[in-house]
């Protein structure tokens, strides 16, 4: 008993929309974080570098969490 092609196509479109929406929200979040960093007045380059490193660490931590959730 196979799925009807139209049902399968609809399911695929729905999945693609959900993936695109998730990606949009993710990019929107991280862009907002970078924008906050951009708008701050840093006293020097070192202060900006520390903030960029902090953001990178947060992203690395999130990726580690997601990898653990994905792995069986």
PDB file of N, CA and C in Angstrom:
ATOM      1  N   UNK A   1       0.839  -1.173   0.000  1.00  0.00           N
ATOM      2  CA  UNK A   1       0.000   0.000   0.000  1.00  0.00           C
ATOM      3  C   UNK A   1       0.891   1.247   0.000  1.00  0.00           C
ATOM      4  N   UNK A   2       1.022   1.899  -1.132  1.00  0.00           N
ATOM      5  CA  UNK A   2       1.835   3.087  -1.223  1.00  0.00           C
ATOM      6  C   UNK A   2       1.006   4.349  -1.059  1.00  0.00           C
ATOM      7  N   UNK A   3       1.700   5.428  -0.780  1.00  0.00           N
ATOM      8  CA  UNK A   3       1.020   6.714  -0.671  1.00  0.00           C
ATOM      9  C   UNK A   3       0.729   7.266  -2.057  1.00  0.00           C
ATOM     10  N   UNK A   4      -0.397   7.892  -2.176  1.00  0.00           N
ATOM     11  CA  UNK A   4      -0.766   8.554  -3.424  1.00  0.00           C
ATOM     12  C   UNK A   4       0.275   9.640  -3.717  1.00  0.00           C
ATOM     13  N   UNK A   5       0.625   9.817  -4.971  1.00  0.00           N
ATOM     14  CA  UNK A   5       1.645  10.810  -5.344  1.00  0.00           C
ATOM     15  C   UNK A   5       1.270  12.223  -4.894  1.00  0.00           C
ATOM     16  N   UNK A   6       0.009  12.567  -4.974  1.00  0.00           N
ATOM     17  CA  UNK A   6      -0.401  13.922  -4.567  1.00  0.00           C
ATOM     18  C   UNK A   6      -0.255  14.108  -3.061  1.00  0.00           C
ATOM     19  N   UNK A   7      -0.576  13.075  -2.298  1.00  0.00           N
ATOM     20  CA  UNK A   7      -0.417  13.151  -0.836  1.00  0.00           C
ATOM     21  C   UNK A   7       1.058  13.272  -0.492  1.00  0.00           C
ATOM     22  N   UNK A   8       1.873  12.490  -1.163  1.00  0.00           N
ATOM     23  CA  UNK A   8       3.307  12.539  -0.938  1.00  0.00           C
ATOM     24  C   UNK A   8       3.861  13.921  -1.300  1.00  0.00           C
ATOM     25  N   UNK A   9       3.430  14.486  -2.416  1.00  0.00           N
ATOM     26  CA  UNK A   9       3.887  15.813  -2.830  1.00  0.00           C
ATOM     27  C   UNK A   9       3.458  16.872  -1.822  1.00  0.00           C
ATOM     28  N   UNK A  10       2.231  16.762  -1.314  1.00  0.00           N
ATOM     29  CA  UNK A  10       1.755  17.718  -0.307  1.00  0.00           C
ATOM     30  C   UNK A  10       2.563  17.615   0.980  1.00  0.00           C
ATOM     31  N   UNK A  11       2.868  16.406   1.384  1.00  0.00           N
ATOM     32  CA  UNK A  11       3.666  16.199   2.588  1.00  0.00           C
ATOM     33  C   UNK A  11       5.066  16.784   2.412  1.00  0.00           C
ATOM     34  N   UNK A  12       5.619  16.599   1.226  1.00  0.00           N
ATOM     35  CA  UNK A  12       6.950  17.123   0.945  1.00  0.00           C
ATOM     36  C   UNK A  12       6.942  18.651   0.968  1.00  0.00           C
ATOM     37  N   UNK A  13       5.924  19.274   0.373  1.00  0.00           N
ATOM     38  CA  UNK A  13       5.811  20.735   0.383  1.00  0.00           C
ATOM     39  C   UNK A  13       5.677  21.258   1.804  1.00  0.00           C
ATOM     40  N   UNK A  14       4.871  20.584   2.603  1.00  0.00           N
ATOM     41  CA  UNK A  14       4.668  20.998   3.991  1.00  0.00           C
ATOM     42  C   UNK A  14       5.981  20.916   4.763  1.00  0.00           C
ATOM     43  N   UNK A  15       6.715  19.831   4.580  1.00  0.00           N
ATOM     44  CA  UNK A  15       7.997  19.666   5.250  1.00  0.00           C
ATOM     45  C   UNK A  15       8.971  20.758   4.821  1.00  0.00           C
ATOM     46  N   UNK A  16       9.028  21.066   3.530  1.00  0.00           N
ATOM     47  CA  UNK A  16       9.913  22.114   3.029  1.00  0.00           C
ATOM     48  C   UNK A  16       9.554  23.473   3.631  1.00  0.00           C
ATOM     49  N   UNK A  17       8.255  23.756   3.741  1.00  0.00           N
ATOM     50  CA  UNK A  17       7.820  25.026   4.359  1.00  0.00           C
ATOM     51  C   UNK A  17       8.247  25.091   5.818  1.00  0.00           C
ATOM     52  N   UNK A  18       8.077  23.984   6.534  1.00  0.00           N
ATOM     53  CA  UNK A  18       8.465  23.947   7.942  1.00  0.00           C
ATOM     54  C   UNK A  18       9.968  24.136   8.111  1.00  0.00           C
ATOM     55  N   UNK A  19      10.743  23.499   7.261  1.00  0.00           N
ATOM     56  CA  UNK A  19      12.202  23.646   7.311  1.00  0.00           C
ATOM     57  C   UNK A  19      12.590  25.091   7.017  1.00  0.00           C
ATOM     58  N   UNK A  20      11.993  25.679   5.991  1.00  0.00           N
ATOM     59  CA  UNK A  20      12.299  27.064   5.626  1.00  0.00           C
ATOM     60  C   UNK A  20      11.921  28.020   6.760  1.00  0.00           C
ATOM     61  N   UNK A  21      10.790  27.784   7.400  1.00  0.00           N
ATOM     62  CA  UNK A  21      10.353  28.645   8.504  1.00  0.00           C
ATOM     63  C   UNK A  21      11.297  28.523   9.697  1.00  0.00           C
ATOM     64  N   UNK A  22      11.728  27.323  10.000  1.00  0.00           N
ATOM     65  CA  UNK A  22      12.680  27.113  11.088  1.00  0.00           C
ATOM     66  C   UNK A  22      14.000  27.814  10.789  1.00  0.00           C
ATOM     67  N   UNK A  23      14.448  27.688   9.558  1.00  0.00           N
ATOM     68  CA  UNK A  23      15.696  28.344   9.163  1.00  0.00           C
ATOM     69  C   UNK A  23      15.558  29.861   9.236  1.00  0.00           C
ATOM     70  N   UNK A  24      14.413  30.391   8.803  1.00  0.00           N
ATOM     71  CA  UNK A  24      14.178  31.838   8.862  1.00  0.00           C
ATOM     72  C   UNK A  24      14.231  32.336  10.298  1.00  0.00           C
ATOM     73  N   UNK A  25      13.564  31.617  11.203  1.00  0.00           N
ATOM     74  CA  UNK A  25      13.556  32.031  12.613  1.00  0.00           C
ATOM     75  C   UNK A  25      14.953  31.965  13.216  1.00  0.00           C
ATOM     76  N   UNK A  26      15.705  30.936  12.854  1.00  0.00           N
ATOM     77  CA  UNK A  26      17.068  30.788  13.362  1.00  0.00           C
ATOM     78  C   UNK A  26      17.950  31.940  12.890  1.00  0.00           C
ATOM     79  N   UNK A  27      17.891  32.228  11.601  1.00  0.00           N
ATOM     80  CA  UNK A  27      18.690  33.322  11.058  1.00  0.00           C
ATOM     81  C   UNK A  27      18.276  34.658  11.649  1.00  0.00           C
ATOM     82  N   UNK A  28      16.983  34.837  11.841  1.00  0.00           N
ATOM     83  CA  UNK A  28      16.474  36.071  12.435  1.00  0.00           C
ATOM     84  C   UNK A  28      17.035  36.250  13.854  1.00  0.00           C
ATOM     85  N   UNK A  29      17.059  35.174  14.624  1.00  0.00           N
ATOM     86  CA  UNK A  29      17.581  35.235  15.992  1.00  0.00           C
ATOM     87  C   UNK A  29      19.053  35.632  16.004  1.00  0.00           C
ATOM     88  N   UNK A  30      19.877  34.906  15.250  1.00  0.00           N
ATOM     89  CA  UNK A  30      21.315  35.179  15.273  1.00  0.00           C
ATOM     90  C   UNK A  30      21.636  36.538  14.654  1.00  0.00           C
ATOM     91  N   UNK A  31      20.875  36.959  13.654  1.00  0.00           N
ATOM     92  CA  UNK A  31      21.078  38.295  13.093  1.00  0.00           C
ATOM     93  C   UNK A  31      20.789  39.344  14.156  1.00  0.00           C
ATOM     94  N   UNK A  32      19.752  39.139  14.939  1.00  0.00           N
ATOM     95  CA  UNK A  32      19.424  40.056  16.029  1.00  0.00           C
ATOM     96  C   UNK A  32      20.544  40.134  17.052  1.00  0.00           C
ATOM     97  N   UNK A  33      21.142  38.981  17.361  1.00  0.00           N
ATOM     98  CA  UNK A  33      22.257  38.970  18.306  1.00  0.00           C
ATOM     99  C   UNK A  33      23.453  39.749  17.752  1.00  0.00           C
ATOM    100  N   UNK A  34      23.738  39.565  16.482  1.00  0.00           N
ATOM    101  CA  UNK A  34      24.855  40.287  15.855  1.00  0.00           C
ATOM    102  C   UNK A  34      24.541  41.778  15.785  1.00  0.00           C
ATOM    103  N   UNK A  35      23.295  42.125  15.502  1.00  0.00           N
ATOM    104  CA  UNK A  35      22.898  43.530  15.425  1.00  0.00           C
ATOM    105  C   UNK A  35      23.080  44.213  16.783  1.00  0.00           C
ATOM    106  N   UNK A  36      22.717  43.525  17.865  1.00  0.00           N
ATOM    107  CA  UNK A  36      22.938  44.085  19.207  1.00  0.00           C
ATOM    108  C   UNK A  36      24.410  44.368  19.432  1.00  0.00           C
ATOM    109  N   UNK A  37      25.244  43.416  19.015  1.00  0.00           N
ATOM    110  CA  UNK A  37      26.682  43.570  19.163  1.00  0.00           C
ATOM    111  C   UNK A  37      27.184  44.758  18.329  1.00  0.00           C
ATOM    112  N   UNK A  38      26.665  44.880  17.120  1.00  0.00           N
ATOM    113  CA  UNK A  38      27.069  45.946  16.201  1.00  0.00           C
ATOM    114  C   UNK A  38      26.717  47.318  16.766  1.00  0.00           C
ATOM    115  N   UNK A  39      25.562  47.425  17.417  1.00  0.00           N
ATOM    116  CA  UNK A  39      25.095  48.720  17.919  1.00  0.00           C
ATOM    117  C   UNK A  39      25.800  49.174  19.197  1.00  0.00           C
ATOM    118  N   UNK A  40      26.425  48.242  19.894  1.00  0.00           N
ATOM    119  CA  UNK A  40      27.142  48.618  21.112  1.00  0.00           C
ATOM    120  C   UNK A  40      28.382  49.421  20.758  1.00  0.00           C
ATOM    121  N   UNK A  41      28.706  50.316  21.623  1.00  0.00           N
ATOM    122  CA  UNK A  41      29.938  51.116  21.453  1.00  0.00           C
ATOM    123  C   UNK A  41      31.071  50.411  22.196  1.00  0.00           C
ATOM    124  N   UNK A  42      31.955  49.798  21.468  1.00  0.00           N
ATOM    125  CA  UNK A  42      33.078  49.092  22.084  1.00  0.00           C
ATOM    126  C   UNK A  42      34.227  50.075  22.270  1.00  0.00           C
ATOM    127  N   UNK A  43      34.863  49.962  23.428  1.00  0.00           N
ATOM    128  CA  UNK A  43      35.965  50.880  23.731  1.00  0.00           C
ATOM    129  C   UNK A  43      37.172  50.631  22.839  1.00  0.00           C
ATOM    130  N   UNK A  44      37.349  49.376  22.450  1.00  0.00           N
ATOM    131  CA  UNK A  44      38.496  49.048  21.606  1.00  0.00           C
ATOM    132  C   UNK A  44      38.224  47.746  20.865  1.00  0.00           C
ATOM    133  N   UNK A  45      39.152  47.387  20.042  1.00  0.00           N
ATOM    134  CA  UNK A  45      39.009  46.167  19.252  1.00  0.00           C
ATOM    135  C   UNK A  45      38.957  44.925  20.140  1.00  0.00           C
ATOM    136  N   UNK A  46      39.698  44.939  21.208  1.00  0.00           N
ATOM    137  CA  UNK A  46      39.733  43.778  22.111  1.00  0.00           C
ATOM    138  C   UNK A  46      38.344  43.512  22.705  1.00  0.00           C
ATOM    139  N   UNK A  47      37.619  44.555  23.062  1.00  0.00           N
ATOM    140  CA  UNK A  47      36.276  44.392  23.629  1.00  0.00           C
ATOM    141  C   UNK A  47      35.335  43.774  22.593  1.00  0.00           C
ATOM    142  N   UNK A  48      35.443  44.204  21.352  1.00  0.00           N
ATOM    143  CA  UNK A  48      34.634  43.633  20.279  1.00  0.00           C
ATOM    144  C   UNK A  48      34.989  42.163  20.068  1.00  0.00           C
ATOM    145  N   UNK A  49      36.277  41.855  20.091  1.00  0.00           N
ATOM    146  CA  UNK A  49      36.717  40.478  19.902  1.00  0.00           C
ATOM    147  C   UNK A  49      36.192  39.571  21.018  1.00  0.00           C
ATOM    148  N   UNK A  50      36.178  40.069  22.245  1.00  0.00           N
ATOM    149  CA  UNK A  50      35.659  39.281  23.368  1.00  0.00           C
ATOM    150  C   UNK A  50      34.179  38.999  23.153  1.00  0.00           C
ATOM    151  N   UNK A  51      33.428  39.988  22.702  1.00  0.00           N
ATOM    152  CA  UNK A  51      32.005  39.801  22.471  1.00  0.00           C
ATOM    153  C   UNK A  51      31.745  38.830  21.314  1.00  0.00           C
ATOM    154  N   UNK A  52      32.528  38.942  20.258  1.00  0.00           N
ATOM    155  CA  UNK A  52      32.401  38.012  19.131  1.00  0.00           C
ATOM    156  C   UNK A  52      32.719  36.593  19.598  1.00  0.00           C
ATOM    157  N   UNK A  53      33.752  36.417  20.391  1.00  0.00           N
ATOM    158  CA  UNK A  53      34.122  35.100  20.905  1.00  0.00           C
ATOM    159  C   UNK A  53      32.995  34.531  21.767  1.00  0.00           C
ATOM    160  N   UNK A  54      32.369  35.373  22.568  1.00  0.00           N
ATOM    161  CA  UNK A  54      31.252  34.942  23.405  1.00  0.00           C
ATOM    162  C   UNK A  54      30.093  34.435  22.540  1.00  0.00           C
ATOM    163  N   UNK A  55      29.785  35.154  21.478  1.00  0.00           N
ATOM    164  CA  UNK A  55      28.719  34.741  20.563  1.00  0.00           C
ATOM    165  C   UNK A  55      29.071  33.410  19.896  1.00  0.00           C
ATOM    166  N   UNK A  56      30.313  33.271  19.480  1.00  0.00           N
ATOM    167  CA  UNK A  56      30.758  32.023  18.861  1.00  0.00           C
ATOM    168  C   UNK A  56      30.635  30.858  19.842  1.00  0.00           C
ATOM    169  N   UNK A  57      30.982  31.091  21.108  1.00  0.00           N
ATOM    170  CA  UNK A  57      30.870  30.043  22.126  1.00  0.00           C
ATOM    171  C   UNK A  57      29.416  29.639  22.335  1.00  0.00           C
ATOM    172  N   UNK A  58      28.512  30.606  22.341  1.00  0.00           N
ATOM    173  CA  UNK A  58      27.089  30.310  22.473  1.00  0.00           C
ATOM    174  C   UNK A  58      26.603  29.467  21.300  1.00  0.00           C
ATOM    175  N   UNK A  59      27.041  29.820  20.093  1.00  0.00           N
ATOM    176  CA  UNK A  59      26.648  29.062  18.905  1.00  0.00           C
ATOM    177  C   UNK A  59      27.214  27.640  18.966  1.00  0.00           C
ATOM    178  N   UNK A  60      28.475  27.498  19.378  1.00  0.00           N
ATOM    179  CA  UNK A  60      29.090  26.173  19.503  1.00  0.00           C
ATOM    180  C   UNK A  60      28.331  25.317  20.514  1.00  0.00           C
ATOM    181  N   UNK A  61      27.966  25.920  21.626  1.00  0.00           N
ATOM    182  CA  UNK A  61      27.223  25.197  22.655  1.00  0.00           C
ATOM    183  C   UNK A  61      25.884  24.710  22.102  1.00  0.00           C
ATOM    184  N   UNK A  62      25.187  25.563  21.378  1.00  0.00           N
ATOM    185  CA  UNK A  62      23.891  25.175  20.804  1.00  0.00           C
ATOM    186  C   UNK A  62      24.061  24.040  19.795  1.00  0.00           C
ATOM    187  N   UNK A  63      25.108  24.120  18.983  1.00  0.00           N
ATOM    188  CA  UNK A  63      25.351  23.055  17.999  1.00  0.00           C
ATOM    189  C   UNK A  63      25.645  21.728  18.692  1.00  0.00           C
ATOM    190  N   UNK A  64      26.397  21.766  19.805  1.00  0.00           N
ATOM    191  CA  UNK A  64      26.679  20.541  20.557  1.00  0.00           C
ATOM    192  C   UNK A  64      25.387  19.927  21.092  1.00  0.00           C
ATOM    193  N   UNK A  65      24.502  20.765  21.613  1.00  0.00           N
ATOM    194  CA  UNK A  65      23.226  20.287  22.140  1.00  0.00           C
ATOM    195  C   UNK A  65      22.411  19.644  21.021  1.00  0.00           C
ATOM    196  N   UNK A  66      22.339  20.292  19.865  1.00  0.00           N
ATOM    197  CA  UNK A  66      21.575  19.749  18.744  1.00  0.00           C
ATOM    198  C   UNK A  66      22.157  18.435  18.252  1.00  0.00           C
ATOM    199  N   UNK A  67      23.476  18.339  18.207  1.00  0.00           N
ATOM    200  CA  UNK A  67      24.104  17.080  17.767  1.00  0.00           C
ATOM    201  C   UNK A  67      23.728  15.934  18.693  1.00  0.00           C
ATOM    202  N   UNK A  68      23.709  16.208  20.003  1.00  0.00           N
ATOM    203  CA  UNK A  68      23.361  15.173  20.974  1.00  0.00           C
ATOM    204  C   UNK A  68      21.913  14.725  20.790  1.00  0.00           C
ATOM    205  N   UNK A  69      21.041  15.663  20.461  1.00  0.00           N
ATOM    206  CA  UNK A  69      19.633  15.329  20.253  1.00  0.00           C
ATOM    207  C   UNK A  69      19.436  14.506  18.986  1.00  0.00           C
ATOM    208  N   UNK A  70      20.257  14.742  17.986  1.00  0.00           N
ATOM    209  CA  UNK A  70      20.127  14.055  16.702  1.00  0.00           C
ATOM    210  C   UNK A  70      20.697  12.649  16.765  1.00  0.00           C
ATOM    211  N   UNK A  71      21.821  12.490  17.461  1.00  0.00           N
ATOM    212  CA  UNK A  71      22.471  11.182  17.523  1.00  0.00           C
ATOM    213  C   UNK A  71      21.608  10.197  18.296  1.00  0.00           C
ATOM    214  N   UNK A  72      21.577   8.958  17.838  1.00  0.00           N
ATOM    215  CA  UNK A  72      20.766   7.929  18.525  1.00  0.00           C
ATOM    216  C   UNK A  72      21.365   7.517  19.847  1.00  0.00           C
TER     217      UNK A  72
END
